[in-house]
Amino acid sequence: MTDFQEQQPQQPYYPPQPPYEPTRPMRAPYEQTRPITTEPGTTVWPSGGHVPPPVDPPLVAAVPAPVPSPRRRAKRGVGLMAAVAIAAAAVGGGAATLVQQLTSDAPVSAAAPVANGTNVSTGTKGTVAGVAEAVSPSIVEISATSGSGKSTGSGVIITSDGEIVTNNHVVSGASSVTVQLSDGKTYRAEVVGTDPDKDLALIKLQGASGLKAATLGDSSKIRVGDEVVAIGSPEGLTGTVTSGIVSALDRDVTVAKDDGGQDQQQGQQQWDPRQGWPFEFGGQQFNGDTGSSKTTYKAIQTDASLNPGNSGGALINMNGEIIGINSAMYSPSSSSGSTAGSVGLGFAIPIDTVKADLDGLRSGGGN
């Protein structure tokens, strides 16, 4: 009979420890080993390949989970950045913005487009509204009174002290001239000089100062098809704005030199003044007979609507420069004798002709 040997309780296994050294701190026998993370996906345990001893669940609950150190998180961020950089190189420059967002706290935003070379708002530049706003203060309504009645036309301010260019036929034979500005102010004016051969006149306001003078352009640079704006006072409607294009250049337009023929034609009722000043083109007469005293000049043709009262007003390019003085328009009549509206056949004296004639007009006549 073999005696049964009582089994002793198994003691836990303690791995051998190095001998105690005063200069080396003793490691606790149950020190929790921790993994060392190197590259993504590789984990090395410092126990030399031994799996760490199991830990009872209560002990796990009692020991808080280790908090990743800032350095370990930074290493992970660097790895992520490297991966994103590789992807950016593969798909192109668009991914570079993502890398910038990951490496910078500042938000990335697209730069707003800026108009190079100017700080001026371009909202109305080159538009009819912009031209009208800029030039209208320089356009006036002219009322001329003579022995035969009263006529209405337009004019363009060319100096701040009140020099105004208009058509000769607007003020020819007038005993008094009154001018109304775009703001409603009225002035008396005197006729300084006239040039019936070019259908031009210069008048001067009495006691005026600080007026807005128009900018005179260069009519030699205009081309057929250029956009233009016309401003004047047709039928007494001050500051009326119309627009169109340059339809033709160098049209030979013939007009009456003075109102002598006009008075005669009015007496014979062969010319209706509501149709506008009579003129000839291509051997044909329009708006009545021009009479025996006439002159011919090269004109700009436009389809911008012109009506009686636009004479002497401005034809303007889209830069706000005066390129012509409106002088004639075709207004057909119906069989009943009533007038029809503008049909888009208007004519203007080129501004280069006006500029060449200014010195003569200021001296009392023309060149």
Protein backbone atom coordinates (compact mmCIF):
# COMPACT_ATOMS: atom_id res chain seq x y z
CA MET A 1 0.00 0.00 0.00
CA THR A 2 1.36 3.19 -1.08
CA ASP A 3 0.88 6.06 1.14
CA PHE A 4 -0.99 8.95 -0.56
CA GLN A 5 1.13 11.99 -0.46
CA GLU A 6 -0.81 15.08 0.11
CA GLN A 7 -0.42 17.47 -2.80
CA GLN A 8 0.96 20.78 -1.81
CA PRO A 9 -0.52 23.93 -3.33
CA GLN A 10 1.38 25.05 -6.38
CA GLN A 11 3.39 28.18 -5.83
CA PRO A 12 3.43 30.91 -8.45
CA TYR A 13 6.39 30.99 -10.72
CA TYR A 14 8.79 33.82 -10.21
CA PRO A 15 11.26 34.40 -13.01
CA PRO A 16 14.84 34.75 -11.86
CA GLN A 17 15.82 38.28 -11.04
CA PRO A 18 19.25 39.83 -11.34
CA PRO A 19 21.20 40.23 -8.12
CA TYR A 20 20.57 43.33 -6.17
CA GLU A 21 22.81 46.21 -6.98
CA PRO A 22 22.72 49.39 -4.90
CA THR A 23 23.08 51.60 -7.97
CA ARG A 24 20.33 49.85 -9.89
CA PRO A 25 16.75 50.17 -8.68
CA MET A 26 15.03 46.87 -7.96
CA ARG A 27 12.17 46.11 -10.28
CA ALA A 28 9.01 44.90 -8.69
CA PRO A 29 8.46 41.20 -9.35
CA TYR A 30 5.03 41.87 -10.79
CA GLU A 31 5.88 44.99 -12.78
CA GLN A 32 3.47 45.33 -15.64
CA THR A 33 5.32 45.07 -18.90
CA ARG A 34 4.32 47.42 -21.67
CA PRO A 35 4.61 47.08 -25.41
CA ILE A 36 6.85 49.34 -27.43
CA THR A 37 5.34 50.59 -30.65
CA THR A 38 7.75 51.27 -33.46
CA GLU A 39 6.37 51.43 -36.98
CA PRO A 40 2.66 51.09 -37.71
CA GLY A 41 1.60 47.44 -37.49
CA THR A 42 4.70 46.14 -35.51
CA THR A 43 4.60 45.50 -31.73
CA VAL A 44 7.54 44.24 -29.66
CA TRP A 45 7.17 43.05 -26.06
CA PRO A 46 10.19 43.74 -23.83
CA SER A 47 9.91 40.38 -22.00
CA GLY A 48 11.95 38.65 -24.70
CA GLY A 49 9.03 36.90 -26.38
CA HIS A 50 7.22 35.79 -23.20
CA VAL A 51 3.55 36.55 -23.16
CA PRO A 52 2.82 38.76 -20.16
CA PRO A 53 1.19 36.90 -17.29
CA PRO A 54 -2.60 37.07 -17.20
CA VAL A 55 -4.12 39.63 -14.98
CA ASP A 56 -7.28 39.00 -13.02
CA PRO A 57 -10.29 41.06 -14.16
CA PRO A 58 -10.60 42.97 -10.84
CA LEU A 59 -6.98 44.05 -11.15
CA VAL A 60 -7.61 45.26 -14.68
CA ALA A 61 -10.51 47.34 -13.46
CA ALA A 62 -8.42 48.78 -10.66
CA VAL A 63 -5.48 49.75 -12.86
CA PRO A 64 -6.30 52.64 -15.22
CA ALA A 65 -5.43 52.21 -18.88
CA PRO A 66 -2.20 53.91 -19.80
CA VAL A 67 -2.68 57.31 -21.44
CA PRO A 68 -0.75 57.67 -24.68
CA SER A 69 2.02 60.18 -24.30
CA PRO A 70 2.10 63.28 -26.50
CA ARG A 71 5.25 61.98 -28.18
CA ARG A 72 3.56 58.73 -29.23
CA ARG A 73 0.58 60.71 -30.67
CA ALA A 74 2.94 63.00 -32.52
CA LYS A 75 4.69 60.00 -34.04
CA ARG A 76 1.36 58.68 -35.23
CA GLY A 77 0.51 62.09 -36.74
CA VAL A 78 3.84 62.13 -38.57
CA GLY A 79 3.07 58.72 -40.00
CA LEU A 80 -0.35 59.89 -41.12
CA MET A 81 1.19 62.98 -42.68
CA ALA A 82 3.67 60.87 -44.58
CA ALA A 83 0.87 58.69 -45.92
CA VAL A 84 -1.13 61.75 -47.01
CA ALA A 85 1.96 63.24 -48.67
CA ILE A 86 2.45 60.06 -50.69
CA ALA A 87 -1.20 60.18 -51.76
CA ALA A 88 -0.81 63.84 -52.71
CA ALA A 89 2.12 63.00 -54.96
CA ALA A 90 -0.02 60.35 -56.65
CA VAL A 91 -3.16 62.40 -57.30
CA GLY A 92 -1.63 65.82 -57.95
CA GLY A 93 -1.58 69.28 -56.41
CA GLY A 94 -5.16 69.16 -55.15
CA ALA A 95 -4.17 66.97 -52.20
CA ALA A 96 -1.56 69.50 -51.09
CA THR A 97 -4.34 71.57 -49.58
CA LEU A 98 -5.28 68.63 -47.35
CA VAL A 99 -1.69 68.34 -46.09
CA GLN A 100 -1.65 72.05 -45.35
CA GLN A 101 -4.87 71.72 -43.37
CA LEU A 102 -3.41 68.85 -41.31
CA THR A 103 -0.21 70.72 -40.52
CA SER A 104 -1.67 74.15 -39.81
CA ASP A 105 -4.31 75.41 -37.42
CA ALA A 106 -5.13 78.37 -39.70
CA PRO A 107 -8.09 77.85 -42.05
CA VAL A 108 -7.34 77.67 -45.75
CA SER A 109 -9.47 79.92 -47.96
CA ALA A 110 -9.37 80.82 -51.63
CA ALA A 111 -8.20 84.36 -52.45
CA ALA A 112 -10.89 86.66 -53.85
CA PRO A 113 -10.30 87.84 -57.43
CA VAL A 114 -8.91 91.36 -57.64
CA ALA A 115 -9.08 93.65 -60.64
CA ASN A 116 -5.48 94.35 -61.54
CA GLY A 117 -4.39 97.95 -61.96
CA THR A 118 -7.36 99.65 -60.37
CA ASN A 119 -9.14 100.12 -57.07
CA VAL A 120 -12.20 101.64 -58.69
CA SER A 121 -15.42 99.66 -58.72
CA THR A 122 -16.20 98.35 -62.18
CA GLY A 123 -19.89 97.77 -61.51
CA THR A 124 -21.08 100.42 -64.01
CA LYS A 125 -17.96 100.97 -66.09
CA GLY A 126 -18.67 100.65 -69.79
CA THR A 127 -22.45 100.57 -69.35
CA VAL A 128 -25.11 103.00 -70.57
CA ALA A 129 -26.07 103.70 -66.95
CA GLY A 130 -22.46 104.50 -66.05
CA VAL A 131 -22.02 106.82 -69.05
CA ALA A 132 -25.31 108.59 -68.35
CA GLU A 133 -24.43 109.15 -64.70
CA ALA A 134 -20.99 110.53 -65.55
CA VAL A 135 -21.92 112.81 -68.49
CA SER A 136 -25.48 114.00 -67.81
CA PRO A 137 -24.34 116.90 -65.57
CA SER A 138 -22.45 118.30 -68.59
CA ILE A 139 -25.49 118.30 -70.93
CA VAL A 140 -27.91 121.25 -70.94
CA GLU A 141 -31.23 122.26 -72.48
CA ILE A 142 -31.21 125.43 -74.57
CA SER A 143 -34.30 127.59 -75.18
CA ALA A 144 -33.85 130.21 -77.90
CA THR A 145 -36.40 132.93 -78.55
CA SER A 146 -36.58 134.79 -81.85
CA GLY A 147 -39.10 136.83 -83.81
CA SER A 148 -40.48 133.64 -85.34
CA GLY A 149 -41.05 131.87 -82.05
CA LYS A 150 -39.23 129.67 -79.57
CA SER A 151 -37.09 126.61 -80.27
CA THR A 152 -35.54 124.02 -78.00
CA GLY A 153 -32.20 122.29 -78.40
CA SER A 154 -29.33 120.90 -76.38
CA GLY A 155 -25.72 121.78 -75.62
CA VAL A 156 -22.51 120.45 -74.08
CA ILE A 157 -20.58 122.25 -71.30
CA ILE A 158 -16.87 122.38 -72.24
CA THR A 159 -15.52 124.68 -69.49
CA SER A 160 -16.31 125.05 -65.81
CA ASP A 161 -17.19 128.74 -66.25
CA GLY A 162 -20.01 127.98 -68.69
CA GLU A 163 -18.79 127.71 -72.29
CA ILE A 164 -21.29 125.55 -74.19
CA VAL A 165 -21.07 124.05 -77.69
CA THR A 166 -24.30 123.58 -79.67
CA ASN A 167 -25.59 123.68 -83.25
CA ASN A 168 -25.78 126.94 -85.12
CA HIS A 169 -29.36 126.22 -86.13
CA VAL A 170 -30.39 126.00 -82.44
CA VAL A 171 -29.46 129.65 -81.67
CA SER A 172 -29.43 131.23 -85.14
CA GLY A 173 -31.41 134.49 -85.13
CA ALA A 174 -32.21 134.25 -81.40
CA SER A 175 -32.87 137.44 -79.47
CA SER A 176 -32.47 135.70 -76.09
CA VAL A 177 -31.06 132.37 -74.93
CA THR A 178 -31.87 130.57 -71.68
CA VAL A 179 -30.03 127.47 -70.48
CA GLN A 180 -31.23 124.89 -67.95
CA LEU A 181 -28.72 122.58 -66.28
CA SER A 182 -29.33 118.97 -65.36
CA ASP A 183 -29.96 120.00 -61.71
CA GLY A 184 -32.70 122.43 -62.74
CA LYS A 185 -30.72 125.69 -62.40
CA THR A 186 -31.27 128.21 -65.21
CA TYR A 187 -28.92 130.84 -66.64
CA ARG A 188 -29.09 133.52 -69.23
CA ALA A 189 -26.57 133.01 -72.03
CA GLU A 190 -25.06 135.06 -74.81
CA VAL A 191 -23.94 133.86 -78.22
CA VAL A 192 -20.14 134.14 -78.42
CA GLY A 193 -19.57 132.90 -81.97
CA THR A 194 -21.19 130.90 -84.75
CA ASP A 195 -19.96 128.90 -87.75
CA PRO A 196 -22.87 128.26 -90.12
CA ASP A 197 -20.60 126.31 -92.50
CA LYS A 198 -20.11 123.63 -89.84
CA ASP A 199 -23.47 124.17 -88.10
CA LEU A 200 -21.66 124.98 -84.83
CA ALA A 201 -22.11 127.72 -82.22
CA LEU A 202 -20.53 128.67 -78.89
CA ILE A 203 -22.55 130.30 -76.12
CA LYS A 204 -21.49 131.44 -72.65
CA LEU A 205 -23.52 131.35 -69.42
CA GLN A 206 -23.67 134.57 -67.40
CA GLY A 207 -22.38 134.33 -63.82
CA ALA A 208 -21.71 130.58 -63.87
CA SER A 209 -18.77 128.81 -62.19
CA GLY A 210 -17.81 125.38 -60.90
CA LEU A 211 -19.69 123.54 -63.62
CA LYS A 212 -18.78 120.02 -64.68
CA ALA A 213 -17.16 120.15 -68.10
CA ALA A 214 -17.43 117.22 -70.46
CA THR A 215 -14.37 115.32 -71.67
CA LEU A 216 -13.81 115.70 -75.41
CA GLY A 217 -12.71 112.47 -77.06
CA ASP A 218 -11.04 111.60 -80.36
CA SER A 219 -13.50 110.97 -83.19
CA SER A 220 -10.73 109.65 -85.46
CA LYS A 221 -10.55 106.49 -83.32
CA ILE A 222 -14.19 105.48 -83.51
CA ARG A 223 -15.21 102.51 -85.66
CA VAL A 224 -18.41 101.31 -87.20
CA GLY A 225 -20.15 99.13 -84.63
CA ASP A 226 -18.84 100.99 -81.57
CA GLU A 227 -21.46 101.45 -78.85
CA VAL A 228 -22.55 105.04 -78.23
CA VAL A 229 -24.91 106.98 -75.97
CA ALA A 230 -26.87 110.11 -76.91
CA ILE A 231 -28.04 112.64 -74.31
CA GLY A 232 -30.21 115.67 -75.01
CA SER A 233 -33.62 117.28 -74.56
CA PRO A 234 -35.95 115.99 -77.28
CA GLU A 235 -39.33 117.74 -77.24
CA GLY A 236 -38.20 119.54 -74.06
CA LEU A 237 -37.65 116.29 -72.12
CA THR A 238 -34.44 117.32 -70.38
CA GLY A 239 -31.68 114.75 -69.94
CA THR A 240 -33.15 112.03 -72.16
CA VAL A 241 -30.70 109.15 -72.68
CA THR A 242 -30.71 106.79 -75.66
CA SER A 243 -28.13 104.32 -76.90
CA GLY A 244 -27.05 102.53 -80.06
CA ILE A 245 -24.00 102.03 -82.23
CA VAL A 246 -22.00 103.91 -84.83
CA SER A 247 -23.77 102.92 -88.06
CA ALA A 248 -21.45 104.61 -90.56
CA LEU A 249 -18.71 107.21 -90.83
CA ASP A 250 -18.01 110.20 -93.10
CA ARG A 251 -21.58 110.69 -94.27
CA ASP A 252 -21.97 113.86 -96.39
CA VAL A 253 -24.88 115.62 -94.69
CA THR A 254 -26.23 118.94 -95.99
CA VAL A 255 -28.09 121.34 -93.68
CA ALA A 256 -29.41 124.88 -93.84
CA LYS A 257 -26.95 127.56 -92.76
CA ASP A 258 -29.46 129.72 -90.89
CA ASP A 259 -33.15 130.03 -90.09
CA GLY A 260 -33.92 132.33 -92.99
CA GLY A 261 -35.08 129.44 -95.09
CA GLN A 262 -36.82 127.99 -92.03
CA ASP A 263 -39.02 131.07 -91.57
CA GLN A 264 -39.90 131.05 -95.24
CA GLN A 265 -40.75 127.37 -95.24
CA GLN A 266 -42.82 127.74 -92.09
CA GLY A 267 -44.87 130.49 -93.75
CA GLN A 268 -45.55 128.20 -96.69
CA GLN A 269 -46.20 125.29 -94.28
CA GLN A 270 -43.82 123.10 -96.29
CA TRP A 271 -41.76 122.18 -93.24
CA ASP A 272 -43.09 120.88 -89.95
CA PRO A 273 -40.65 121.91 -87.19
CA ARG A 274 -41.77 118.92 -85.14
CA GLN A 275 -39.95 116.73 -87.65
CA GLY A 276 -36.57 118.23 -86.84
CA TRP A 277 -34.19 120.44 -88.74
CA PRO A 278 -34.27 119.75 -92.52
CA PHE A 279 -31.23 118.13 -94.10
CA GLU A 280 -30.14 116.52 -97.34
CA PHE A 281 -28.26 113.32 -98.00
CA GLY A 282 -27.41 111.64 -101.30
CA GLY A 283 -29.29 114.31 -103.28
CA GLN A 284 -32.53 113.76 -101.33
CA GLN A 285 -34.21 116.12 -98.87
CA PHE A 286 -35.46 115.03 -95.45
CA ASN A 287 -37.67 116.84 -92.95
CA GLY A 288 -38.37 119.65 -95.42
CA ASP A 289 -36.47 121.91 -97.80
CA THR A 290 -33.08 123.15 -96.63
CA GLY A 291 -33.42 126.29 -98.74
CA SER A 292 -30.82 127.95 -100.91
CA SER A 293 -28.31 128.70 -98.12
CA LYS A 294 -26.81 125.37 -97.08
CA THR A 295 -23.60 123.70 -96.06
CA THR A 296 -22.25 120.14 -96.15
CA TYR A 297 -20.07 118.38 -93.56
CA LYS A 298 -18.81 114.87 -92.82
CA ALA A 299 -21.00 113.28 -90.16
CA ILE A 300 -21.10 110.23 -87.90
CA GLN A 301 -24.21 108.14 -88.50
CA THR A 302 -25.82 106.43 -85.51
CA ASP A 303 -28.92 104.38 -84.78
CA ALA A 304 -29.21 105.88 -81.28
CA SER A 305 -32.65 107.45 -81.15
CA LEU A 306 -32.56 111.20 -81.92
CA ASN A 307 -35.63 113.42 -81.99
CA PRO A 308 -36.34 117.16 -82.37
CA GLY A 309 -34.57 118.86 -79.46
CA ASN A 310 -31.55 116.52 -79.54
CA SER A 311 -29.75 118.97 -81.83
CA GLY A 312 -26.60 120.28 -80.14
CA GLY A 313 -26.53 117.43 -77.63
CA ALA A 314 -23.79 114.87 -77.12
CA LEU A 315 -22.89 111.60 -78.81
CA ILE A 316 -20.71 109.76 -76.29
CA ASN A 317 -18.50 106.68 -76.37
CA MET A 318 -18.54 104.07 -73.60
CA ASN A 319 -15.59 105.76 -71.86
CA GLY A 320 -17.76 108.83 -71.24
CA GLU A 321 -15.99 110.97 -73.86
CA ILE A 322 -17.83 113.25 -76.28
CA ILE A 323 -17.19 112.04 -79.83
CA GLY A 324 -19.84 114.09 -81.67
CA ILE A 325 -22.44 116.87 -81.50
CA ASN A 326 -25.84 115.58 -82.62
CA SER A 327 -27.11 117.73 -85.49
CA ALA A 328 -29.66 116.00 -87.74
CA MET A 329 -32.09 113.11 -87.76
CA TYR A 330 -34.58 111.60 -90.14
CA SER A 331 -38.19 111.58 -88.99
CA PRO A 332 -40.65 110.27 -91.60
CA SER A 333 -44.22 111.55 -91.73
CA SER A 334 -47.36 109.54 -92.21
CA SER A 335 -49.84 110.28 -94.96
CA SER A 336 -51.94 112.31 -92.50
CA GLY A 337 -49.05 114.66 -91.85
CA SER A 338 -48.36 113.57 -88.26
CA THR A 339 -44.81 112.75 -87.33
CA ALA A 340 -43.46 109.29 -86.63
CA GLY A 341 -40.85 108.37 -84.08
CA SER A 342 -37.13 107.98 -84.64
CA VAL A 343 -36.20 105.33 -87.16
CA GLY A 344 -32.55 105.12 -86.15
CA LEU A 345 -31.06 107.51 -88.72
CA GLY A 346 -29.21 110.18 -86.79
CA PHE A 347 -26.12 112.23 -87.60
CA ALA A 348 -23.51 113.98 -85.47
CA ILE A 349 -20.68 116.41 -86.19
CA PRO A 350 -17.36 114.72 -85.26
CA ILE A 351 -15.80 116.19 -82.12
CA ASP A 352 -12.48 116.64 -83.92
CA THR A 353 -14.25 119.17 -86.16
CA VAL A 354 -15.51 120.95 -83.05
CA LYS A 355 -12.07 121.09 -81.42
CA ALA A 356 -10.50 122.49 -84.58
CA ASP A 357 -13.17 125.21 -84.67
CA LEU A 358 -13.10 126.33 -81.02
CA ASP A 359 -10.58 129.14 -81.38
CA GLY A 360 -12.57 130.65 -84.23
CA LEU A 361 -15.82 130.38 -82.28
CA ARG A 362 -14.27 132.09 -79.26
CA SER A 363 -13.18 134.98 -81.46
CA GLY A 364 -16.74 135.47 -82.70
CA GLY A 365 -16.81 133.32 -85.82
CA GLY A 366 -15.55 130.05 -87.25
CA ASN A 367 -12.60 128.87 -89.30
